[in-house]
């Protein structure tokens, strides 16, 4: 799954129809968490539109605004919560890193994953609009797939990261379902790195650059046992 990610820098993203000024001046984020507004890129008749959606997809037909943060690639075209959005409302979710948790007995060790060159990338996402009398929510979910060789040592799932040359296809109205399925695969592990990081990331109240600093594996667990 993907439950936290970062957006510390943002370049090489394409926008056609809007001025992304608010995006460029927004502060670096080191611990983006579910239910928070996140930057997304939508396709509007061939133009890319940058906007913020709530992280946690609320299907348009849902009786209550309870969000789902991840959509499994294997069943995204079958589950009622996702299949209409998958076919008609796909989006890019800019990021430059994400966290996964390794189980160590009854404890967990967070790990931070990013590209070897620290460049930003896009998660594959889907979105929907939920509304009721007096309220409206635009929301999204991150698509997940099986872990690549790097992630598999920590967790069995990972977010779908789209290669740069696949982003247009993911947003395109004309792309086939079969082609979309070929995009929802594990990202090339050789282009990524992962390091253990502090368990301070467990709290969404913490959002600072120290969260991505590498630590020794199990370091904080050992400290808790000793002290």
C-alpha atoms as a PDB file:
ATOM      1  CA  UNK A   1       0.000   0.000   0.000  1.00  0.00           C
ATOM      2  CA  UNK A   2       0.981   3.638   0.060  1.00  0.00           C
ATOM      3  CA  UNK A   3       0.053   5.584   3.173  1.00  0.00           C
ATOM      4  CA  UNK A   4       2.521   8.496   3.230  1.00  0.00           C
ATOM      5  CA  UNK A   5       4.609  10.301   0.635  1.00  0.00           C
ATOM      6  CA  UNK A   6       6.709  13.389   0.029  1.00  0.00           C
ATOM      7  CA  UNK A   7       6.748  16.286  -2.421  1.00  0.00           C
ATOM      8  CA  UNK A   8       9.878  18.305  -1.723  1.00  0.00           C
ATOM      9  CA  UNK A   9      10.567  19.529  -5.251  1.00  0.00           C
ATOM     10  CA  UNK A  10       8.600  19.784  -8.455  1.00  0.00           C
ATOM     11  CA  UNK A  11      10.178  20.076 -11.872  1.00  0.00           C
ATOM     12  CA  UNK A  12       9.710  18.361 -15.213  1.00  0.00           C
ATOM     13  CA  UNK A  13       5.932  18.465 -14.777  1.00  0.00           C
ATOM     14  CA  UNK A  14       3.916  19.755 -17.736  1.00  0.00           C
ATOM     15  CA  UNK A  15       0.992  22.163 -17.460  1.00  0.00           C
ATOM     16  CA  UNK A  16      -0.920  23.648 -20.346  1.00  0.00           C
ATOM     17  CA  UNK A  17      -4.126  25.320 -19.228  1.00  0.00           C
ATOM     18  CA  UNK A  18      -3.410  26.773 -15.798  1.00  0.00           C
ATOM     19  CA  UNK A  19      -0.842  28.894 -14.043  1.00  0.00           C
ATOM     20  CA  UNK A  20       0.786  26.587 -11.471  1.00  0.00           C
ATOM     21  CA  UNK A  21       1.990  29.535  -9.363  1.00  0.00           C
ATOM     22  CA  UNK A  22       0.395  28.242  -6.152  1.00  0.00           C
ATOM     23  CA  UNK A  23       2.045  24.874  -6.752  1.00  0.00           C
ATOM     24  CA  UNK A  24       5.534  26.286  -7.147  1.00  0.00           C
ATOM     25  CA  UNK A  25       5.269  28.438  -4.023  1.00  0.00           C
ATOM     26  CA  UNK A  26       3.744  25.716  -1.829  1.00  0.00           C
ATOM     27  CA  UNK A  27       6.057  24.519   0.976  1.00  0.00           C
ATOM     28  CA  UNK A  28       8.054  21.310   0.782  1.00  0.00           C
ATOM     29  CA  UNK A  29       6.106  18.381   2.239  1.00  0.00           C
ATOM     30  CA  UNK A  30       7.818  15.490   3.997  1.00  0.00           C
ATOM     31  CA  UNK A  31       4.837  13.589   5.393  1.00  0.00           C
ATOM     32  CA  UNK A  32       1.737  13.844   3.224  1.00  0.00           C
ATOM     33  CA  UNK A  33      -1.019  11.792   4.856  1.00  0.00           C
ATOM     34  CA  UNK A  34      -4.505  10.475   3.996  1.00  0.00           C
ATOM     35  CA  UNK A  35      -7.458  12.924   4.159  1.00  0.00           C
ATOM     36  CA  UNK A  36      -5.130  15.844   3.358  1.00  0.00           C
ATOM     37  CA  UNK A  37      -5.456  17.849   0.122  1.00  0.00           C
ATOM     38  CA  UNK A  38      -2.815  16.764  -2.391  1.00  0.00           C
ATOM     39  CA  UNK A  39      -1.710  18.131  -5.748  1.00  0.00           C
ATOM     40  CA  UNK A  40      -3.004  16.221  -8.757  1.00  0.00           C
ATOM     41  CA  UNK A  41      -2.842  16.636 -12.526  1.00  0.00           C
ATOM     42  CA  UNK A  42      -6.032  16.072 -14.528  1.00  0.00           C
ATOM     43  CA  UNK A  43      -6.614  16.070 -18.263  1.00  0.00           C
ATOM     44  CA  UNK A  44      -9.119  18.658 -19.474  1.00  0.00           C
ATOM     45  CA  UNK A  45      -9.711  18.121 -23.194  1.00  0.00           C
ATOM     46  CA  UNK A  46      -6.042  17.614 -23.890  1.00  0.00           C
ATOM     47  CA  UNK A  47      -4.751  20.231 -21.457  1.00  0.00           C
ATOM     48  CA  UNK A  48      -3.206  19.382 -18.103  1.00  0.00           C
ATOM     49  CA  UNK A  49      -4.891  20.990 -15.130  1.00  0.00           C
ATOM     50  CA  UNK A  50      -3.211  21.209 -11.755  1.00  0.00           C
ATOM     51  CA  UNK A  51      -5.565  21.095  -8.790  1.00  0.00           C
ATOM     52  CA  UNK A  52      -5.869  19.821  -5.237  1.00  0.00           C
ATOM     53  CA  UNK A  53      -8.011  16.815  -4.305  1.00  0.00           C
ATOM     54  CA  UNK A  54      -8.615  15.097  -0.996  1.00  0.00           C
ATOM     55  CA  UNK A  55      -6.489  11.972  -0.595  1.00  0.00           C
ATOM     56  CA  UNK A  56      -9.044   9.233   0.014  1.00  0.00           C
ATOM     57  CA  UNK A  57     -11.405   8.478  -2.856  1.00  0.00           C
ATOM     58  CA  UNK A  58     -15.116   8.867  -2.094  1.00  0.00           C
ATOM     59  CA  UNK A  59     -17.179   7.208  -4.870  1.00  0.00           C
ATOM     60  CA  UNK A  60     -19.921   9.412  -6.252  1.00  0.00           C
ATOM     61  CA  UNK A  61     -22.613   6.903  -5.201  1.00  0.00           C
ATOM     62  CA  UNK A  62     -21.360   6.462  -1.629  1.00  0.00           C
ATOM     63  CA  UNK A  63     -23.821   7.271   1.163  1.00  0.00           C
ATOM     64  CA  UNK A  64     -21.058   8.535   3.439  1.00  0.00           C
ATOM     65  CA  UNK A  65     -17.875  10.460   2.603  1.00  0.00           C
ATOM     66  CA  UNK A  66     -15.496   7.722   3.784  1.00  0.00           C
ATOM     67  CA  UNK A  67     -12.352   7.769   1.642  1.00  0.00           C
ATOM     68  CA  UNK A  68     -10.242   4.915   0.228  1.00  0.00           C
ATOM     69  CA  UNK A  69      -6.585   5.865  -0.160  1.00  0.00           C
ATOM     70  CA  UNK A  70      -5.395   3.011  -2.417  1.00  0.00           C
ATOM     71  CA  UNK A  71      -6.867   1.078  -5.361  1.00  0.00           C
ATOM     72  CA  UNK A  72      -5.379  -2.314  -6.225  1.00  0.00           C
ATOM     73  CA  UNK A  73      -4.349  -2.573  -9.877  1.00  0.00           C
ATOM     74  CA  UNK A  74      -5.459  -6.202 -10.059  1.00  0.00           C
ATOM     75  CA  UNK A  75      -9.113  -5.396  -9.279  1.00  0.00           C
ATOM     76  CA  UNK A  76      -9.442  -1.720 -10.191  1.00  0.00           C
ATOM     77  CA  UNK A  77     -11.595  -2.503 -13.236  1.00  0.00           C
ATOM     78  CA  UNK A  78     -13.914  -4.773 -11.239  1.00  0.00           C
ATOM     79  CA  UNK A  79     -14.628  -3.096  -7.905  1.00  0.00           C
ATOM     80  CA  UNK A  80     -17.592  -0.745  -7.869  1.00  0.00           C
ATOM     81  CA  UNK A  81     -15.630   1.863  -5.896  1.00  0.00           C
ATOM     82  CA  UNK A  82     -13.001   2.225  -8.619  1.00  0.00           C
ATOM     83  CA  UNK A  83     -14.050   0.924 -12.019  1.00  0.00           C
ATOM     84  CA  UNK A  84     -15.871   4.032 -13.301  1.00  0.00           C
ATOM     85  CA  UNK A  85     -13.069   6.341 -12.147  1.00  0.00           C
ATOM     86  CA  UNK A  86     -10.479   4.006 -13.673  1.00  0.00           C
ATOM     87  CA  UNK A  87     -12.199   4.152 -17.038  1.00  0.00           C
ATOM     88  CA  UNK A  88     -13.105   7.849 -17.062  1.00  0.00           C
ATOM     89  CA  UNK A  89     -11.270   9.827 -14.362  1.00  0.00           C
ATOM     90  CA  UNK A  90      -7.560   9.094 -14.105  1.00  0.00           C
ATOM     91  CA  UNK A  91      -4.987  11.531 -12.734  1.00  0.00           C
ATOM     92  CA  UNK A  92      -1.301  11.967 -11.983  1.00  0.00           C
ATOM     93  CA  UNK A  93      -0.195  12.511  -8.395  1.00  0.00           C
ATOM     94  CA  UNK A  94       3.186  14.304  -8.208  1.00  0.00           C
ATOM     95  CA  UNK A  95       5.633  12.995  -5.597  1.00  0.00           C
ATOM     96  CA  UNK A  96       9.342  12.528  -5.030  1.00  0.00           C
ATOM     97  CA  UNK A  97       9.348   9.782  -2.405  1.00  0.00           C
ATOM     98  CA  UNK A  98       7.146   7.555  -0.274  1.00  0.00           C
ATOM     99  CA  UNK A  99       7.263   5.477   2.896  1.00  0.00           C
ATOM    100  CA  UNK A 100       6.609   1.814   3.584  1.00  0.00           C
ATOM    101  CA  UNK A 101       6.773  -0.016   6.905  1.00  0.00           C
ATOM    102  CA  UNK A 102       8.694  -3.203   7.649  1.00  0.00           C
ATOM    103  CA  UNK A 103       7.407  -5.471  10.417  1.00  0.00           C
ATOM    104  CA  UNK A 104      10.008  -6.240  13.099  1.00  0.00           C
ATOM    105  CA  UNK A 105       8.169  -8.516  15.505  1.00  0.00           C
ATOM    106  CA  UNK A 106       5.594  -6.318  17.218  1.00  0.00           C
ATOM    107  CA  UNK A 107       7.370  -3.168  16.045  1.00  0.00           C
ATOM    108  CA  UNK A 108       7.706  -1.561  12.613  1.00  0.00           C
ATOM    109  CA  UNK A 109      10.580   0.142  10.806  1.00  0.00           C
ATOM    110  CA  UNK A 110       9.701   2.916   8.331  1.00  0.00           C
ATOM    111  CA  UNK A 111      11.668   3.039   5.088  1.00  0.00           C
ATOM    112  CA  UNK A 112      11.842   5.930   2.636  1.00  0.00           C
ATOM    113  CA  UNK A 113      11.956   5.179  -1.094  1.00  0.00           C
ATOM    114  CA  UNK A 114      12.885   7.565  -3.883  1.00  0.00           C
ATOM    115  CA  UNK A 115      14.597   7.698  -7.265  1.00  0.00           C
ATOM    116  CA  UNK A 116      18.379   7.263  -7.254  1.00  0.00           C
ATOM    117  CA  UNK A 117      18.744  10.789  -8.672  1.00  0.00           C
ATOM    118  CA  UNK A 118      16.066  12.223  -6.305  1.00  0.00           C
ATOM    119  CA  UNK A 119      13.937  13.445  -9.214  1.00  0.00           C
ATOM    120  CA  UNK A 120      10.164  13.771  -8.865  1.00  0.00           C
ATOM    121  CA  UNK A 121       7.749  11.349 -10.472  1.00  0.00           C
ATOM    122  CA  UNK A 122       4.026  10.672 -10.736  1.00  0.00           C
ATOM    123  CA  UNK A 123       1.871   8.054  -9.072  1.00  0.00           C
ATOM    124  CA  UNK A 124      -0.991   6.660 -11.135  1.00  0.00           C
ATOM    125  CA  UNK A 125      -4.211   7.933  -9.585  1.00  0.00           C
ATOM    126  CA  UNK A 126      -7.979   7.941 -10.042  1.00  0.00           C
ATOM    127  CA  UNK A 127     -10.471  10.549  -8.874  1.00  0.00           C
ATOM    128  CA  UNK A 128     -14.176  11.131  -8.328  1.00  0.00           C
ATOM    129  CA  UNK A 129     -16.664  13.778  -7.219  1.00  0.00           C
ATOM    130  CA  UNK A 130     -19.034  13.124  -4.314  1.00  0.00           C
ATOM    131  CA  UNK A 131     -21.819  15.513  -3.480  1.00  0.00           C
ATOM    132  CA  UNK A 132     -24.820  15.803  -1.262  1.00  0.00           C
ATOM    133  CA  UNK A 133     -27.012  18.687  -0.241  1.00  0.00           C
ATOM    134  CA  UNK A 134     -24.700  21.433   0.931  1.00  0.00           C
ATOM    135  CA  UNK A 135     -21.441  19.508   0.472  1.00  0.00           C
ATOM    136  CA  UNK A 136     -19.122  18.449  -2.335  1.00  0.00           C
ATOM    137  CA  UNK A 137     -15.848  16.520  -2.206  1.00  0.00           C
ATOM    138  CA  UNK A 138     -13.341  15.971  -5.021  1.00  0.00           C
ATOM    139  CA  UNK A 139     -11.095  13.103  -3.995  1.00  0.00           C
ATOM    140  CA  UNK A 140      -8.515  10.647  -5.307  1.00  0.00           C
ATOM    141  CA  UNK A 141      -6.730   7.369  -4.633  1.00  0.00           C
ATOM    142  CA  UNK A 142      -3.261   6.060  -5.498  1.00  0.00           C
ATOM    143  CA  UNK A 143      -3.138   2.881  -7.570  1.00  0.00           C
ATOM    144  CA  UNK A 144      -0.968   0.107  -6.096  1.00  0.00           C
ATOM    145  CA  UNK A 145       0.608  -3.026  -7.532  1.00  0.00           C
ATOM    146  CA  UNK A 146       2.942  -5.842  -6.479  1.00  0.00           C
ATOM    147  CA  UNK A 147       6.253  -4.752  -4.993  1.00  0.00           C
ATOM    148  CA  UNK A 148       9.389  -4.700  -7.123  1.00  0.00           C
ATOM    149  CA  UNK A 149      12.577  -6.459  -5.972  1.00  0.00           C
ATOM    150  CA  UNK A 150      13.594  -3.503  -3.788  1.00  0.00           C
ATOM    151  CA  UNK A 151      10.263  -3.036  -2.040  1.00  0.00           C
ATOM    152  CA  UNK A 152       9.627  -6.762  -1.678  1.00  0.00           C
ATOM    153  CA  UNK A 153      12.212  -6.964   1.090  1.00  0.00           C
ATOM    154  CA  UNK A 154      10.024  -4.585   3.131  1.00  0.00           C
ATOM    155  CA  UNK A 155       6.428  -4.859   1.919  1.00  0.00           C
ATOM    156  CA  UNK A 156       4.454  -6.848  -0.647  1.00  0.00           C
ATOM    157  CA  UNK A 157       2.809  -3.808  -2.292  1.00  0.00           C
ATOM    158  CA  UNK A 158       3.984  -0.520  -3.793  1.00  0.00           C
ATOM    159  CA  UNK A 159       2.372   2.465  -5.530  1.00  0.00           C
ATOM    160  CA  UNK A 160       2.222   2.452  -9.328  1.00  0.00           C
ATOM    161  CA  UNK A 161       4.905   4.876 -10.495  1.00  0.00           C
ATOM    162  CA  UNK A 162       4.463   5.918 -14.110  1.00  0.00           C
ATOM    163  CA  UNK A 163       7.510   6.315 -16.353  1.00  0.00           C
ATOM    164  CA  UNK A 164       7.617   9.824 -17.759  1.00  0.00           C
ATOM    165  CA  UNK A 165       6.723   8.636 -21.259  1.00  0.00           C
ATOM    166  CA  UNK A 166       3.604   6.849 -19.944  1.00  0.00           C
ATOM    167  CA  UNK A 167       2.009   9.828 -18.207  1.00  0.00           C
ATOM    168  CA  UNK A 168       0.207  11.089 -21.322  1.00  0.00           C
ATOM    169  CA  UNK A 169      -1.256   7.652 -21.960  1.00  0.00           C
ATOM    170  CA  UNK A 170      -2.523   7.346 -18.398  1.00  0.00           C
ATOM    171  CA  UNK A 171      -4.426  10.615 -18.787  1.00  0.00           C
ATOM    172  CA  UNK A 172      -5.610  10.011 -22.344  1.00  0.00           C
ATOM    173  CA  UNK A 173      -9.307   9.429 -23.013  1.00  0.00           C
ATOM    174  CA  UNK A 174      -8.482   7.271 -26.020  1.00  0.00           C
ATOM    175  CA  UNK A 175      -6.194   4.741 -24.330  1.00  0.00           C
ATOM    176  CA  UNK A 176      -7.482   1.151 -24.145  1.00  0.00           C
ATOM    177  CA  UNK A 177      -8.081  -0.753 -20.919  1.00  0.00           C
ATOM    178  CA  UNK A 178      -5.607  -3.389 -22.048  1.00  0.00           C
ATOM    179  CA  UNK A 179      -2.930  -0.742 -22.482  1.00  0.00           C
ATOM    180  CA  UNK A 180      -3.700   0.751 -19.062  1.00  0.00           C
ATOM    181  CA  UNK A 181      -3.197  -2.656 -17.481  1.00  0.00           C
ATOM    182  CA  UNK A 182       0.321  -2.801 -18.925  1.00  0.00           C
ATOM    183  CA  UNK A 183       1.143   0.493 -17.163  1.00  0.00           C
ATOM    184  CA  UNK A 184       0.097  -0.710 -13.706  1.00  0.00           C
ATOM    185  CA  UNK A 185       3.239  -2.728 -13.050  1.00  0.00           C
ATOM    186  CA  UNK A 186       6.125  -2.534 -10.547  1.00  0.00           C
ATOM    187  CA  UNK A 187       8.577   0.267 -11.309  1.00  0.00           C
ATOM    188  CA  UNK A 188      12.154  -0.594 -12.261  1.00  0.00           C
ATOM    189  CA  UNK A 189      13.886  -1.353  -8.939  1.00  0.00           C
ATOM    190  CA  UNK A 190      17.330  -0.486 -10.330  1.00  0.00           C
ATOM    191  CA  UNK A 191      16.278   3.187 -10.576  1.00  0.00           C
ATOM    192  CA  UNK A 192      15.226   3.429  -6.922  1.00  0.00           C
ATOM    193  CA  UNK A 193      16.830   3.448  -3.486  1.00  0.00           C
ATOM    194  CA  UNK A 194      15.385   2.888  -0.021  1.00  0.00           C
ATOM    195  CA  UNK A 195      16.700   3.690   3.461  1.00  0.00           C
ATOM    196  CA  UNK A 196      15.432   3.190   7.024  1.00  0.00           C
ATOM    197  CA  UNK A 197      14.139   6.414   8.588  1.00  0.00           C
ATOM    198  CA  UNK A 198      12.818   7.649  11.912  1.00  0.00           C
ATOM    199  CA  UNK A 199       9.490   6.442  13.266  1.00  0.00           C
ATOM    200  CA  UNK A 200       8.561  10.103  13.757  1.00  0.00           C
ATOM    201  CA  UNK A 201       6.975   9.728  10.319  1.00  0.00           C
ATOM    202  CA  UNK A 202       4.267   7.643  12.005  1.00  0.00           C
ATOM    203  CA  UNK A 203       2.625  10.846  13.200  1.00  0.00           C
ATOM    204  CA  UNK A 204       1.168  13.092  10.507  1.00  0.00           C
ATOM    205  CA  UNK A 205       1.814  16.039  12.843  1.00  0.00           C
ATOM    206  CA  UNK A 206       5.521  15.699  12.025  1.00  0.00           C
ATOM    207  CA  UNK A 207       6.448  17.234   8.677  1.00  0.00           C
ATOM    208  CA  UNK A 208      10.089  18.271   8.432  1.00  0.00           C
ATOM    209  CA  UNK A 209      13.202  17.327   6.482  1.00  0.00           C
ATOM    210  CA  UNK A 210      14.636  15.121   9.239  1.00  0.00           C
ATOM    211  CA  UNK A 211      11.953  12.517   8.441  1.00  0.00           C
ATOM    212  CA  UNK A 212      13.828  11.431   5.311  1.00  0.00           C
ATOM    213  CA  UNK A 213      17.299  11.322   6.907  1.00  0.00           C
ATOM    214  CA  UNK A 214      18.693   7.759   6.856  1.00  0.00           C
ATOM    215  CA  UNK A 215      19.207   5.958  10.159  1.00  0.00           C
ATOM    216  CA  UNK A 216      20.621   2.542  11.051  1.00  0.00           C
ATOM    217  CA  UNK A 217      18.140  -0.283  10.579  1.00  0.00           C
ATOM    218  CA  UNK A 218      16.342  -0.914  13.882  1.00  0.00           C
ATOM    219  CA  UNK A 219      18.245   1.924  15.565  1.00  0.00           C
ATOM    220  CA  UNK A 220      15.249   3.463  17.307  1.00  0.00           C
ATOM    221  CA  UNK A 221      13.869   0.064  18.306  1.00  0.00           C
ATOM    222  CA  UNK A 222      17.173  -0.780  20.020  1.00  0.00           C
ATOM    223  CA  UNK A 223      17.160   2.567  21.805  1.00  0.00           C
ATOM    224  CA  UNK A 224      13.646   1.942  23.145  1.00  0.00           C
ATOM    225  CA  UNK A 225      14.659  -1.484  24.424  1.00  0.00           C
ATOM    226  CA  UNK A 226      17.771  -0.115  26.121  1.00  0.00           C
ATOM    227  CA  UNK A 227      16.240   2.975  27.629  1.00  0.00           C
END
